[in-house]
Amino acid sequence: MTAWYEKSFGEDYLLVYKHRDVHGAYEEVHKMINWLKLRPRAEVLDLCCGMGRHSLALADAGFQVTGVDLSDVLLREARELDADHRVRWCHADMRKIPLGGGFDAVVNLFTSFGYFPEDIEQLKVLRAIHRMLRPEGSFILDFINTAYVQKHLVQHSVREDEGQRIEEYRRIRDGFVQKEIHITDISAGTEPRIYKESVKLYSREQLSEMLEDADLQVDQVHGGYDEEKYDEQTSPRMIFVGHRPTD
């Protein structure tokens, strides 16, 4: 059976998430640089880079960047945006990265984690991050804050864009936050195209333990790109910043 993430990051994804802006990516990258304390020309891996917003912002900040993603569609968009070929783009599963490692930093942003039903598969991602990093190399794992999601989940929303009706249904079930997206061509009146998303929810303690199991050390946890400290009840995100200890 095709996994949801193999189907959902296609052409319609570009429509549903077109509101994600480039300017915001540059502001977030500026914050990341301060957290990671990167040297000039550092080598950075953007794991699950999508359309490459943050990869390109990192390249513009003077770093040597590699973007990895499973979606051919999103990588195509990234390459089109990267007219000057500043970034090395790589098609790969985040659990099995076909690169040599030795990166100064690995970033995994905006909930590009928790996609698999089993914890062991999530752990494979963290071990891949460990493998990609040089000793003392830094990482960012940017994840949703479970308590915040439970309080603020919008169960249903609908909007129109480019002649398409986009209807989204959200729920928390069996430890996962799930979304079902229905996209209908308004003029054609055809049946909706349906996509699903499913992300496993973790507490700060659970993710900290998984990172430790992958031999990654947590140095800080932030509650968002505008919040220095994480608060379980009020922070929208859990952004783990840490490093790979010396072997």
Protein backbone atom coordinates (compact mmCIF):
# COMPACT_ATOMS: atom_id res chain seq x y z
CA MET A 1 0.00 0.00 0.00
CA THR A 2 1.29 3.48 -0.87
CA ALA A 3 2.20 5.49 2.23
CA TRP A 4 0.46 8.87 2.58
CA TYR A 5 3.73 10.81 2.22
CA GLU A 6 4.42 9.17 -1.13
CA LYS A 7 1.16 10.57 -2.53
CA SER A 8 0.58 13.87 -0.72
CA PHE A 9 3.68 15.85 -1.72
CA GLY A 10 2.73 16.27 -5.38
CA GLU A 11 1.29 18.99 -7.61
CA ASP A 12 -1.69 19.69 -5.33
CA TYR A 13 0.64 20.19 -2.36
CA LEU A 14 2.03 23.23 -4.17
CA LEU A 15 -1.49 24.70 -4.20
CA VAL A 16 -2.44 23.82 -0.62
CA TYR A 17 0.76 25.23 0.89
CA LYS A 18 1.50 28.09 -1.51
CA HIS A 19 1.07 30.57 1.38
CA ARG A 20 4.41 29.56 2.92
CA ASP A 21 6.51 32.61 2.18
CA VAL A 22 10.15 33.01 1.28
CA HIS A 23 10.64 36.06 3.51
CA GLY A 24 9.68 34.04 6.58
CA ALA A 25 12.25 31.39 5.65
CA TYR A 26 15.02 34.02 5.66
CA GLU A 27 14.00 35.23 9.14
CA GLU A 28 13.93 31.67 10.46
CA VAL A 29 17.32 30.89 8.93
CA HIS A 30 18.80 33.95 10.63
CA LYS A 31 17.60 32.57 13.97
CA MET A 32 18.94 29.09 13.12
CA ILE A 33 22.39 30.47 12.33
CA ASN A 34 22.54 32.03 15.79
CA TRP A 35 21.42 28.81 17.46
CA LEU A 36 23.78 26.55 15.49
CA LYS A 37 26.78 28.91 15.72
CA LEU A 38 27.84 28.01 12.19
CA ARG A 39 31.20 29.02 10.81
CA PRO A 40 31.38 30.73 7.38
CA ARG A 41 31.03 28.31 4.46
CA ALA A 42 29.80 25.55 6.78
CA GLU A 43 28.25 22.49 5.13
CA VAL A 44 24.54 22.20 5.95
CA LEU A 45 22.10 19.41 5.12
CA ASP A 46 18.43 20.41 4.85
CA LEU A 47 16.66 17.09 5.44
CA CYS A 48 13.17 17.06 3.89
CA CYS A 49 13.86 20.33 2.10
CA GLY A 50 10.60 20.44 0.14
CA MET A 51 10.55 23.34 -2.32
CA GLY A 52 13.87 24.56 -0.93
CA ARG A 53 12.86 27.80 0.81
CA HIS A 54 15.23 27.27 3.72
CA SER A 55 17.94 25.61 1.61
CA LEU A 56 18.14 28.69 -0.61
CA ALA A 57 18.06 31.06 2.35
CA LEU A 58 20.95 29.12 3.91
CA ALA A 59 22.86 29.30 0.62
CA ASP A 60 22.27 33.05 0.45
CA ALA A 61 23.70 33.30 3.97
CA GLY A 62 26.97 31.89 2.66
CA PHE A 63 26.72 28.18 3.53
CA GLN A 64 27.32 25.13 1.36
CA VAL A 65 23.91 23.48 1.28
CA THR A 66 22.54 20.07 0.31
CA GLY A 67 18.76 19.60 0.16
CA VAL A 68 17.27 16.11 0.48
CA ASP A 69 13.64 15.19 -0.20
CA LEU A 70 11.57 12.20 -1.31
CA SER A 71 9.22 14.21 -3.57
CA ASP A 72 10.28 14.58 -7.19
CA VAL A 73 7.67 17.32 -7.61
CA LEU A 74 9.00 19.44 -4.74
CA LEU A 75 12.61 18.89 -5.84
CA ARG A 76 11.63 20.04 -9.33
CA GLU A 77 10.26 23.25 -7.85
CA ALA A 78 13.41 23.69 -5.76
CA ARG A 79 15.65 23.30 -8.80
CA GLU A 80 13.59 25.85 -10.73
CA LEU A 81 13.96 28.34 -7.89
CA ASP A 82 17.69 27.63 -7.73
CA ALA A 83 18.55 29.20 -11.08
CA ASP A 84 22.19 29.74 -10.07
CA HIS A 85 22.69 26.13 -8.89
CA ARG A 86 23.73 27.18 -5.40
CA VAL A 87 22.36 24.06 -3.71
CA ARG A 88 23.04 20.37 -4.29
CA TRP A 89 19.65 18.61 -4.51
CA CYS A 90 19.27 14.93 -3.67
CA HIS A 91 16.27 12.59 -4.00
CA ALA A 92 16.18 10.20 -1.04
CA ASP A 93 14.18 8.73 1.83
CA MET A 94 15.05 10.53 5.08
CA ARG A 95 15.82 7.18 6.73
CA LYS A 96 18.37 6.15 4.10
CA ILE A 97 20.43 9.12 2.94
CA PRO A 98 22.92 8.13 0.19
CA LEU A 99 25.53 10.73 1.17
CA GLY A 100 28.92 10.51 2.80
CA GLY A 101 28.22 12.60 5.89
CA GLY A 102 30.62 14.99 7.54
CA PHE A 103 28.13 17.88 7.62
CA ASP A 104 28.58 20.75 10.07
CA ALA A 105 24.82 20.89 10.61
CA VAL A 106 21.61 19.03 9.74
CA VAL A 107 18.23 20.76 9.92
CA ASN A 108 14.84 19.03 9.81
CA LEU A 109 12.18 21.73 9.72
CA PHE A 110 8.44 22.33 10.08
CA THR A 111 7.32 18.90 11.22
CA SER A 112 9.12 16.83 8.62
CA PHE A 113 9.24 14.11 11.26
CA GLY A 114 6.83 11.62 12.79
CA TYR A 115 5.56 10.43 9.41
CA PHE A 116 5.80 6.71 10.21
CA PRO A 117 3.49 4.56 12.36
CA GLU A 118 6.37 2.87 14.24
CA ASP A 119 8.82 4.56 16.60
CA ILE A 120 11.68 2.48 15.20
CA GLU A 121 11.20 4.16 11.80
CA GLN A 122 11.37 7.60 13.42
CA LEU A 123 14.54 6.48 15.20
CA LYS A 124 16.06 5.55 11.83
CA VAL A 125 15.68 9.21 10.81
CA LEU A 126 17.49 10.40 13.92
CA ARG A 127 20.26 7.85 13.39
CA ALA A 128 20.58 9.05 9.80
CA ILE A 129 21.02 12.60 11.14
CA HIS A 130 23.74 11.30 13.47
CA ARG A 131 25.43 9.54 10.57
CA MET A 132 25.37 12.69 8.42
CA LEU A 133 26.95 14.88 11.09
CA ARG A 134 30.62 15.22 11.82
CA PRO A 135 31.52 14.84 15.54
CA GLU A 136 30.39 18.03 17.33
CA GLY A 137 28.24 18.91 14.32
CA SER A 138 24.92 20.59 15.20
CA PHE A 139 21.31 19.76 14.42
CA ILE A 140 17.84 21.28 14.57
CA LEU A 141 14.72 19.13 14.85
CA ASP A 142 11.68 21.38 14.50
CA PHE A 143 8.47 19.64 15.58
CA ILE A 144 4.93 20.56 16.63
CA ASN A 145 4.13 20.90 20.34
CA THR A 146 1.58 18.22 21.19
CA ALA A 147 -0.14 20.07 24.04
CA TYR A 148 -0.55 23.19 21.88
CA VAL A 149 -1.96 21.17 18.97
CA GLN A 150 -4.48 19.49 21.24
CA LYS A 151 -5.74 22.87 22.47
CA HIS A 152 -5.77 24.76 19.17
CA LEU A 153 -6.64 22.18 16.52
CA VAL A 154 -9.02 23.59 13.89
CA GLN A 155 -11.17 20.61 12.97
CA HIS A 156 -12.50 21.96 9.67
CA SER A 157 -11.62 24.75 7.26
CA VAL A 158 -12.45 25.62 3.68
CA ARG A 159 -11.09 28.14 1.16
CA GLU A 160 -10.86 28.72 -2.56
CA ASP A 161 -7.72 29.30 -4.62
CA GLU A 162 -6.98 29.16 -8.36
CA GLY A 163 -10.47 27.87 -9.08
CA GLN A 164 -10.12 25.05 -6.58
CA ARG A 165 -12.08 24.44 -3.38
CA ILE A 166 -9.72 23.28 -0.63
CA GLU A 167 -11.43 21.65 2.33
CA GLU A 168 -9.37 20.35 5.26
CA TYR A 169 -10.50 18.06 8.07
CA ARG A 170 -8.26 17.59 11.12
CA ARG A 171 -8.43 15.31 14.14
CA ILE A 172 -6.29 13.67 16.79
CA ARG A 173 -6.68 9.91 16.90
CA ASP A 174 -4.64 7.10 18.43
CA GLY A 175 -1.69 9.36 19.14
CA PHE A 176 -1.55 10.92 15.66
CA VAL A 177 -2.67 14.29 14.34
CA GLN A 178 -4.40 13.50 11.07
CA LYS A 179 -5.50 15.71 8.21
CA GLU A 180 -7.64 14.87 5.20
CA ILE A 181 -7.56 17.36 2.33
CA HIS A 182 -10.29 17.48 -0.32
CA ILE A 183 -9.53 19.52 -3.47
CA THR A 184 -12.34 20.09 -5.97
CA ASP A 185 -12.24 21.88 -9.32
CA ILE A 186 -15.06 24.39 -8.86
CA SER A 187 -15.88 24.84 -12.56
CA ALA A 188 -15.71 21.16 -13.49
CA GLY A 189 -17.82 19.88 -10.60
CA THR A 190 -15.80 16.67 -10.45
CA GLU A 191 -15.19 14.40 -7.48
CA PRO A 192 -12.63 15.79 -5.02
CA ARG A 193 -8.99 14.71 -5.04
CA ILE A 194 -8.30 13.42 -1.55
CA TYR A 195 -4.98 13.43 0.32
CA LYS A 196 -4.11 12.39 3.84
CA GLU A 197 -1.45 13.46 6.28
CA SER A 198 -0.61 11.71 9.54
CA VAL A 199 2.01 12.76 12.08
CA LYS A 200 2.74 10.87 15.29
CA LEU A 201 2.61 13.07 18.35
CA TYR A 202 5.45 13.08 20.88
CA SER A 203 6.11 14.84 24.14
CA ARG A 204 9.33 16.70 24.82
CA GLU A 205 10.44 13.85 27.05
CA GLN A 206 9.74 11.19 24.40
CA LEU A 207 11.63 13.06 21.70
CA SER A 208 14.52 13.76 24.06
CA GLU A 209 14.78 10.03 24.78
CA MET A 210 14.70 9.16 21.08
CA LEU A 211 17.44 11.69 20.35
CA GLU A 212 19.52 10.21 23.17
CA ASP A 213 18.96 6.72 21.71
CA ALA A 214 20.38 8.07 18.42
CA ASP A 215 23.41 9.44 20.31
CA LEU A 216 22.40 13.05 19.72
CA GLN A 217 22.71 15.51 22.60
CA VAL A 218 20.07 18.20 23.16
CA ASP A 219 21.45 21.61 24.14
CA GLN A 220 18.34 23.81 23.93
CA VAL A 221 14.62 23.53 23.24
CA HIS A 222 12.82 26.56 21.84
CA GLY A 223 9.07 27.11 21.61
CA GLY A 224 9.16 28.77 18.19
CA TYR A 225 11.35 30.99 16.07
CA ASP A 226 10.19 33.98 18.13
CA GLU A 227 10.40 32.20 21.48
CA GLU A 228 13.68 31.57 23.24
CA LYS A 229 12.25 29.14 25.79
CA TYR A 230 9.85 26.25 25.33
CA ASP A 231 6.68 26.15 27.43
CA GLU A 232 4.64 22.97 27.17
CA GLN A 233 1.27 24.71 27.43
CA THR A 234 1.80 27.83 25.33
CA SER A 235 4.56 27.20 22.78
CA PRO A 236 3.37 26.33 19.26
CA ARG A 237 6.49 24.28 18.47
CA MET A 238 9.28 22.20 19.99
CA ILE A 239 12.55 23.11 18.31
CA PHE A 240 15.39 20.92 19.53
CA VAL A 241 18.90 22.28 19.02
CA GLY A 242 21.83 20.02 19.81
CA HIS A 243 24.91 18.26 18.55
CA ARG A 244 26.54 14.92 17.83
CA PRO A 245 28.98 14.23 20.68
CA THR A 246 32.55 13.32 19.92
CA ASP A 247 32.81 9.54 19.52
